[in-house]
């Protein structure tokens, strides 16, 4: 494993996916800590609060696209207005197979990777080894 992250955010409203993601992250021992948010607004608000207070920021955000309150697209549009883009990697994790979604993710400068659900240990390990 090339790098261990201090903190990862998992931003997704699907409890089954979140459970799976936590298990996968634990099994590959990639992070010391994970914070889970069920919508983009909660995650973004926490980012801003921690940034202002000088607290640890996530080095990685695993972001779903389809959520209530703020979806992943709105989170990304607000995130791009901050000065955090160079400090935090965003990986979109989605079950969407829409070509439009894939194109938007690919064109988005703040997104480092697109990961198709469901997550599994081997694909995540390969992805993190590339980082």
N, C-alpha and C. Protein backbone atom coordinates (compact mmCIF):
# COMPACT_ATOMS: atom_id res chain seq x y z
N UNK A 1 0.86 -1.18 0.00
CA UNK A 1 0.00 0.00 0.00
C UNK A 1 0.90 1.23 0.00
N UNK A 2 0.63 2.12 -0.92
CA UNK A 2 1.53 3.24 -1.10
C UNK A 2 1.37 4.34 -0.04
N UNK A 3 0.17 4.56 0.44
CA UNK A 3 -0.04 5.67 1.36
C UNK A 3 -1.20 5.34 2.29
N UNK A 4 -1.07 5.78 3.51
CA UNK A 4 -2.18 5.64 4.45
C UNK A 4 -2.74 7.03 4.72
N UNK A 5 -4.03 7.18 4.57
CA UNK A 5 -4.69 8.45 4.78
C UNK A 5 -5.03 8.64 6.26
N UNK A 6 -4.88 9.87 6.74
CA UNK A 6 -5.28 10.18 8.12
C UNK A 6 -6.79 10.11 8.27
N UNK A 7 -7.49 10.71 7.29
CA UNK A 7 -8.94 10.84 7.39
C UNK A 7 -9.56 10.73 6.00
N UNK A 8 -10.61 9.93 5.91
CA UNK A 8 -11.40 9.80 4.68
C UNK A 8 -12.85 10.11 5.02
N UNK A 9 -13.50 10.89 4.15
CA UNK A 9 -14.94 11.11 4.24
C UNK A 9 -15.63 10.14 3.30
N UNK A 10 -16.68 9.50 3.76
CA UNK A 10 -17.58 8.73 2.91
C UNK A 10 -18.90 9.51 2.90
N UNK A 11 -19.29 10.00 1.72
CA UNK A 11 -20.49 10.84 1.60
C UNK A 11 -21.49 10.08 0.73
N UNK A 12 -22.45 9.45 1.40
CA UNK A 12 -23.42 8.60 0.70
C UNK A 12 -24.60 8.34 1.64
N UNK A 13 -25.79 8.29 1.08
CA UNK A 13 -26.99 8.08 1.90
C UNK A 13 -27.46 6.62 1.92
N UNK A 14 -26.73 5.73 1.25
CA UNK A 14 -27.11 4.32 1.18
C UNK A 14 -26.39 3.56 2.30
N UNK A 15 -27.15 3.15 3.30
CA UNK A 15 -26.56 2.48 4.47
C UNK A 15 -25.80 1.20 4.11
N UNK A 16 -26.30 0.46 3.15
CA UNK A 16 -25.63 -0.79 2.75
C UNK A 16 -24.28 -0.48 2.10
N UNK A 17 -24.26 0.53 1.21
CA UNK A 17 -22.99 0.92 0.60
C UNK A 17 -22.02 1.41 1.67
N UNK A 18 -22.49 2.24 2.58
CA UNK A 18 -21.62 2.79 3.63
C UNK A 18 -21.02 1.65 4.45
N UNK A 19 -21.83 0.69 4.83
CA UNK A 19 -21.34 -0.47 5.58
C UNK A 19 -20.26 -1.20 4.78
N UNK A 20 -20.53 -1.41 3.50
CA UNK A 20 -19.55 -2.10 2.63
C UNK A 20 -18.27 -1.29 2.50
N UNK A 21 -18.42 0.01 2.27
CA UNK A 21 -17.24 0.89 2.12
C UNK A 21 -16.37 0.86 3.37
N UNK A 22 -17.00 0.93 4.53
CA UNK A 22 -16.24 0.89 5.79
C UNK A 22 -15.50 -0.43 5.94
N UNK A 23 -16.15 -1.52 5.58
CA UNK A 23 -15.50 -2.84 5.65
C UNK A 23 -14.31 -2.93 4.69
N UNK A 24 -14.50 -2.44 3.48
CA UNK A 24 -13.43 -2.48 2.48
C UNK A 24 -12.26 -1.62 2.94
N UNK A 25 -12.53 -0.41 3.39
CA UNK A 25 -11.45 0.49 3.84
C UNK A 25 -10.71 -0.12 5.02
N UNK A 26 -11.43 -0.75 5.92
CA UNK A 26 -10.81 -1.40 7.07
C UNK A 26 -9.95 -2.59 6.62
N UNK A 27 -10.45 -3.36 5.67
CA UNK A 27 -9.73 -4.57 5.24
C UNK A 27 -8.43 -4.27 4.52
N UNK A 28 -8.36 -3.12 3.85
CA UNK A 28 -7.11 -2.77 3.16
C UNK A 28 -6.25 -1.82 3.99
N UNK A 29 -6.71 -1.48 5.20
CA UNK A 29 -5.94 -0.68 6.15
C UNK A 29 -5.38 0.58 5.50
N UNK A 30 -6.26 1.36 4.88
CA UNK A 30 -5.85 2.53 4.12
C UNK A 30 -6.00 3.84 4.90
N UNK A 31 -6.70 3.80 6.03
CA UNK A 31 -6.94 5.04 6.76
C UNK A 31 -6.98 4.81 8.26
N UNK A 32 -6.66 5.86 8.98
CA UNK A 32 -6.77 5.83 10.44
C UNK A 32 -8.19 6.12 10.90
N UNK A 33 -8.92 6.94 10.09
CA UNK A 33 -10.23 7.40 10.54
C UNK A 33 -11.14 7.66 9.34
N UNK A 34 -12.42 7.36 9.51
CA UNK A 34 -13.43 7.61 8.49
C UNK A 34 -14.58 8.39 9.13
N UNK A 35 -15.04 9.41 8.44
CA UNK A 35 -16.25 10.11 8.85
C UNK A 35 -17.29 9.90 7.76
N UNK A 36 -18.53 9.60 8.17
CA UNK A 36 -19.61 9.30 7.23
C UNK A 36 -20.64 10.43 7.27
N UNK A 37 -21.10 10.83 6.10
CA UNK A 37 -22.13 11.86 5.96
C UNK A 37 -23.18 11.35 4.99
N UNK A 38 -24.46 11.61 5.30
CA UNK A 38 -25.51 11.09 4.43
C UNK A 38 -25.98 12.09 3.37
N UNK A 39 -25.34 13.26 3.31
CA UNK A 39 -25.58 14.18 2.20
C UNK A 39 -24.41 15.14 2.06
N UNK A 40 -24.32 15.75 0.89
CA UNK A 40 -23.20 16.62 0.59
C UNK A 40 -23.12 17.86 1.45
N UNK A 41 -24.26 18.38 1.87
CA UNK A 41 -24.24 19.60 2.69
C UNK A 41 -23.57 19.36 4.03
N UNK A 42 -23.90 18.26 4.68
CA UNK A 42 -23.28 17.95 5.97
C UNK A 42 -21.76 17.82 5.82
N UNK A 43 -21.33 17.13 4.77
CA UNK A 43 -19.89 16.96 4.55
C UNK A 43 -19.22 18.29 4.25
N UNK A 44 -19.84 19.10 3.41
CA UNK A 44 -19.26 20.39 3.06
C UNK A 44 -19.18 21.31 4.27
N UNK A 45 -20.26 21.35 5.06
CA UNK A 45 -20.25 22.18 6.27
C UNK A 45 -19.14 21.75 7.22
N UNK A 46 -18.94 20.44 7.36
CA UNK A 46 -17.86 19.94 8.22
C UNK A 46 -16.49 20.34 7.67
N UNK A 47 -16.34 20.24 6.35
CA UNK A 47 -15.08 20.67 5.72
C UNK A 47 -14.77 22.13 6.05
N UNK A 48 -15.76 22.99 5.87
CA UNK A 48 -15.54 24.41 6.14
C UNK A 48 -15.23 24.67 7.61
N UNK A 49 -15.97 24.02 8.50
CA UNK A 49 -15.73 24.19 9.94
C UNK A 49 -14.32 23.75 10.30
N UNK A 50 -13.94 22.55 9.85
CA UNK A 50 -12.61 22.04 10.18
C UNK A 50 -11.51 22.88 9.56
N UNK A 51 -11.75 23.40 8.37
CA UNK A 51 -10.77 24.26 7.72
C UNK A 51 -10.56 25.54 8.53
N UNK A 52 -11.65 26.15 8.97
CA UNK A 52 -11.57 27.39 9.76
C UNK A 52 -10.91 27.16 11.10
N UNK A 53 -11.18 26.00 11.72
CA UNK A 53 -10.64 25.71 13.05
C UNK A 53 -9.23 25.12 13.01
N UNK A 54 -8.75 24.81 11.82
CA UNK A 54 -7.42 24.21 11.70
C UNK A 54 -7.39 22.73 12.07
N UNK A 55 -8.56 22.09 12.07
CA UNK A 55 -8.62 20.65 12.35
C UNK A 55 -8.18 19.84 11.14
N UNK A 56 -7.97 18.55 11.37
CA UNK A 56 -7.62 17.67 10.26
C UNK A 56 -8.71 17.71 9.19
N UNK A 57 -8.27 17.81 7.95
CA UNK A 57 -9.18 17.72 6.82
C UNK A 57 -9.03 16.35 6.19
N UNK A 58 -10.06 15.86 5.54
CA UNK A 58 -9.90 14.57 4.88
C UNK A 58 -8.92 14.71 3.72
N UNK A 59 -8.11 13.71 3.54
CA UNK A 59 -7.22 13.71 2.39
C UNK A 59 -7.95 13.15 1.18
N UNK A 60 -9.06 12.45 1.46
CA UNK A 60 -9.83 11.80 0.40
C UNK A 60 -11.31 11.86 0.75
N UNK A 61 -12.14 12.13 -0.26
CA UNK A 61 -13.59 12.09 -0.12
C UNK A 61 -14.12 11.09 -1.14
N UNK A 62 -14.84 10.08 -0.66
CA UNK A 62 -15.55 9.14 -1.53
C UNK A 62 -16.98 9.66 -1.62
N UNK A 63 -17.35 10.18 -2.77
CA UNK A 63 -18.57 10.97 -2.94
C UNK A 63 -19.56 10.29 -3.88
N UNK A 64 -20.77 10.08 -3.37
CA UNK A 64 -21.86 9.59 -4.21
C UNK A 64 -22.45 10.77 -4.98
N UNK A 65 -23.09 10.49 -6.12
CA UNK A 65 -23.71 11.56 -6.89
C UNK A 65 -25.17 11.80 -6.49
N UNK A 66 -25.89 10.75 -6.19
CA UNK A 66 -27.33 10.85 -5.95
C UNK A 66 -27.66 10.73 -4.47
N UNK A 67 -27.95 11.90 -3.87
CA UNK A 67 -28.29 11.96 -2.44
C UNK A 67 -29.32 13.06 -2.24
N UNK A 68 -30.02 13.02 -1.10
CA UNK A 68 -30.93 14.12 -0.79
C UNK A 68 -30.16 15.36 -0.30
N UNK A 69 -30.85 16.44 -0.12
CA UNK A 69 -30.33 17.73 0.36
C UNK A 69 -29.36 18.29 -0.69
N UNK A 70 -28.09 17.93 -0.60
CA UNK A 70 -27.10 18.30 -1.62
C UNK A 70 -26.63 17.01 -2.26
N UNK A 71 -26.80 16.89 -3.56
CA UNK A 71 -26.25 15.73 -4.25
C UNK A 71 -24.75 15.95 -4.50
N UNK A 72 -24.11 14.97 -5.07
CA UNK A 72 -22.67 15.06 -5.31
C UNK A 72 -22.29 16.19 -6.25
N UNK A 73 -23.15 16.48 -7.23
CA UNK A 73 -22.86 17.57 -8.17
C UNK A 73 -22.82 18.91 -7.47
N UNK A 74 -23.79 19.14 -6.57
CA UNK A 74 -23.83 20.42 -5.86
C UNK A 74 -22.64 20.52 -4.91
N UNK A 75 -22.31 19.41 -4.24
CA UNK A 75 -21.13 19.39 -3.39
C UNK A 75 -19.90 19.81 -4.21
N UNK A 76 -19.73 19.22 -5.39
CA UNK A 76 -18.57 19.53 -6.23
C UNK A 76 -18.57 21.00 -6.65
N UNK A 77 -19.73 21.53 -6.99
CA UNK A 77 -19.77 22.94 -7.43
C UNK A 77 -19.38 23.88 -6.28
N UNK A 78 -19.78 23.56 -5.07
CA UNK A 78 -19.40 24.38 -3.92
C UNK A 78 -17.94 24.15 -3.54
N UNK A 79 -17.48 22.91 -3.61
CA UNK A 79 -16.10 22.57 -3.28
C UNK A 79 -15.13 23.33 -4.18
N UNK A 80 -15.49 23.48 -5.46
CA UNK A 80 -14.61 24.18 -6.40
C UNK A 80 -14.45 25.66 -6.08
N UNK A 81 -15.34 26.20 -5.27
CA UNK A 81 -15.25 27.61 -4.87
C UNK A 81 -14.32 27.81 -3.68
N UNK A 82 -13.82 26.72 -3.10
CA UNK A 82 -12.95 26.81 -1.93
C UNK A 82 -11.49 26.78 -2.37
N UNK A 83 -10.61 26.90 -1.40
CA UNK A 83 -9.17 26.77 -1.68
C UNK A 83 -8.67 25.39 -1.25
N UNK A 84 -9.57 24.42 -1.19
CA UNK A 84 -9.21 23.09 -0.69
C UNK A 84 -8.91 22.07 -1.78
N UNK A 85 -9.08 22.46 -3.04
CA UNK A 85 -8.94 21.49 -4.13
C UNK A 85 -7.56 20.84 -4.17
N UNK A 86 -6.52 21.57 -3.82
CA UNK A 86 -5.17 21.01 -3.86
C UNK A 86 -4.87 20.12 -2.66
N UNK A 87 -5.71 20.20 -1.63
CA UNK A 87 -5.45 19.46 -0.40
C UNK A 87 -6.26 18.17 -0.29
N UNK A 88 -7.36 18.08 -1.03
CA UNK A 88 -8.30 16.97 -0.86
C UNK A 88 -8.58 16.31 -2.21
N UNK A 89 -8.43 14.99 -2.25
CA UNK A 89 -8.78 14.23 -3.45
C UNK A 89 -10.25 13.82 -3.36
N UNK A 90 -10.94 13.95 -4.47
CA UNK A 90 -12.33 13.52 -4.53
C UNK A 90 -12.42 12.34 -5.49
N UNK A 91 -13.03 11.27 -5.03
CA UNK A 91 -13.33 10.13 -5.89
C UNK A 91 -14.84 9.94 -5.88
N UNK A 92 -15.44 10.01 -7.06
CA UNK A 92 -16.88 9.79 -7.17
C UNK A 92 -17.12 8.29 -7.18
N UNK A 93 -18.01 7.85 -6.31
CA UNK A 93 -18.39 6.43 -6.23
C UNK A 93 -19.89 6.38 -6.54
N UNK A 94 -20.24 5.78 -7.66
CA UNK A 94 -21.64 5.83 -8.07
C UNK A 94 -22.06 4.55 -8.79
N UNK A 95 -23.34 4.28 -8.73
CA UNK A 95 -23.90 3.17 -9.49
C UNK A 95 -24.45 3.68 -10.82
N UNK A 96 -24.32 4.96 -11.08
CA UNK A 96 -24.83 5.55 -12.32
C UNK A 96 -24.06 5.00 -13.52
N UNK A 97 -24.81 4.64 -14.54
CA UNK A 97 -24.19 4.20 -15.79
C UNK A 97 -24.53 5.17 -16.91
N UNK A 98 -25.06 6.32 -16.53
CA UNK A 98 -25.44 7.33 -17.51
C UNK A 98 -24.18 7.93 -18.13
N UNK A 99 -24.15 7.99 -19.45
CA UNK A 99 -23.01 8.56 -20.17
C UNK A 99 -22.80 10.02 -19.76
N UNK A 100 -23.89 10.75 -19.58
CA UNK A 100 -23.78 12.16 -19.18
C UNK A 100 -23.07 12.30 -17.84
N UNK A 101 -23.40 11.44 -16.88
CA UNK A 101 -22.74 11.48 -15.58
C UNK A 101 -21.25 11.18 -15.72
N UNK A 102 -20.93 10.15 -16.49
CA UNK A 102 -19.52 9.77 -16.69
C UNK A 102 -18.74 10.93 -17.33
N UNK A 103 -19.34 11.58 -18.33
CA UNK A 103 -18.69 12.70 -18.99
C UNK A 103 -18.48 13.86 -18.02
N UNK A 104 -19.50 14.17 -17.23
CA UNK A 104 -19.38 15.27 -16.27
C UNK A 104 -18.29 14.98 -15.23
N UNK A 105 -18.21 13.74 -14.78
CA UNK A 105 -17.17 13.37 -13.81
C UNK A 105 -15.79 13.52 -14.44
N UNK A 106 -15.64 13.01 -15.65
CA UNK A 106 -14.35 13.07 -16.35
C UNK A 106 -13.90 14.51 -16.57
N UNK A 107 -14.84 15.38 -16.86
CA UNK A 107 -14.52 16.79 -17.15
C UNK A 107 -14.31 17.61 -15.88
N UNK A 108 -14.73 17.11 -14.74
CA UNK A 108 -14.65 17.88 -13.50
C UNK A 108 -13.23 17.88 -12.96
N UNK A 109 -12.66 19.05 -12.84
CA UNK A 109 -11.25 19.16 -12.45
C UNK A 109 -10.97 18.76 -11.00
N UNK A 110 -11.99 18.73 -10.17
CA UNK A 110 -11.75 18.37 -8.76
C UNK A 110 -11.90 16.87 -8.50
N UNK A 111 -12.37 16.12 -9.49
CA UNK A 111 -12.55 14.67 -9.32
C UNK A 111 -11.32 13.94 -9.86
N UNK A 112 -10.72 13.10 -9.01
CA UNK A 112 -9.52 12.35 -9.41
C UNK A 112 -9.86 11.02 -10.06
N UNK A 113 -10.95 10.38 -9.62
CA UNK A 113 -11.30 9.05 -10.13
C UNK A 113 -12.82 8.87 -10.10
N UNK A 114 -13.30 7.98 -10.96
CA UNK A 114 -14.68 7.52 -10.90
C UNK A 114 -14.63 6.04 -10.55
N UNK A 115 -15.37 5.65 -9.53
CA UNK A 115 -15.40 4.26 -9.09
C UNK A 115 -16.84 3.77 -9.19
N UNK A 116 -17.03 2.64 -9.85
CA UNK A 116 -18.37 2.07 -9.96
C UNK A 116 -18.69 1.25 -8.72
N UNK A 117 -19.93 1.41 -8.26
CA UNK A 117 -20.40 0.56 -7.16
C UNK A 117 -20.71 -0.80 -7.74
N UNK A 118 -20.63 -1.85 -6.99
CA UNK A 118 -20.24 -1.89 -5.58
C UNK A 118 -18.73 -1.88 -5.43
N UNK A 119 -18.26 -1.41 -4.29
CA UNK A 119 -16.83 -1.45 -3.98
C UNK A 119 -16.42 -2.86 -3.63
N UNK A 120 -15.19 -3.17 -3.95
CA UNK A 120 -14.63 -4.44 -3.46
C UNK A 120 -13.17 -4.22 -3.11
N UNK A 121 -12.66 -5.12 -2.32
CA UNK A 121 -11.32 -4.99 -1.76
C UNK A 121 -10.25 -4.88 -2.84
N UNK A 122 -10.29 -5.74 -3.85
CA UNK A 122 -9.25 -5.74 -4.88
C UNK A 122 -9.23 -4.47 -5.71
N UNK A 123 -10.40 -4.01 -6.15
CA UNK A 123 -10.42 -2.80 -6.98
C UNK A 123 -9.99 -1.58 -6.18
N UNK A 124 -10.39 -1.51 -4.92
CA UNK A 124 -9.98 -0.38 -4.09
C UNK A 124 -8.47 -0.43 -3.82
N UNK A 125 -7.96 -1.60 -3.57
CA UNK A 125 -6.52 -1.73 -3.32
C UNK A 125 -5.72 -1.28 -4.55
N UNK A 126 -6.15 -1.69 -5.73
CA UNK A 126 -5.47 -1.28 -6.97
C UNK A 126 -5.55 0.23 -7.15
N UNK A 127 -6.70 0.79 -6.89
CA UNK A 127 -6.90 2.22 -7.03
C UNK A 127 -5.98 2.99 -6.08
N UNK A 128 -5.91 2.58 -4.82
CA UNK A 128 -5.07 3.28 -3.87
C UNK A 128 -3.59 3.07 -4.13
N UNK A 129 -3.23 1.94 -4.69
CA UNK A 129 -1.83 1.71 -5.05
C UNK A 129 -1.37 2.68 -6.12
N UNK A 130 -2.29 3.17 -6.96
CA UNK A 130 -1.96 4.13 -8.01
C UNK A 130 -1.73 5.53 -7.47
N UNK A 131 -2.25 5.82 -6.30
CA UNK A 131 -2.23 7.20 -5.76
C UNK A 131 -0.83 7.61 -5.34
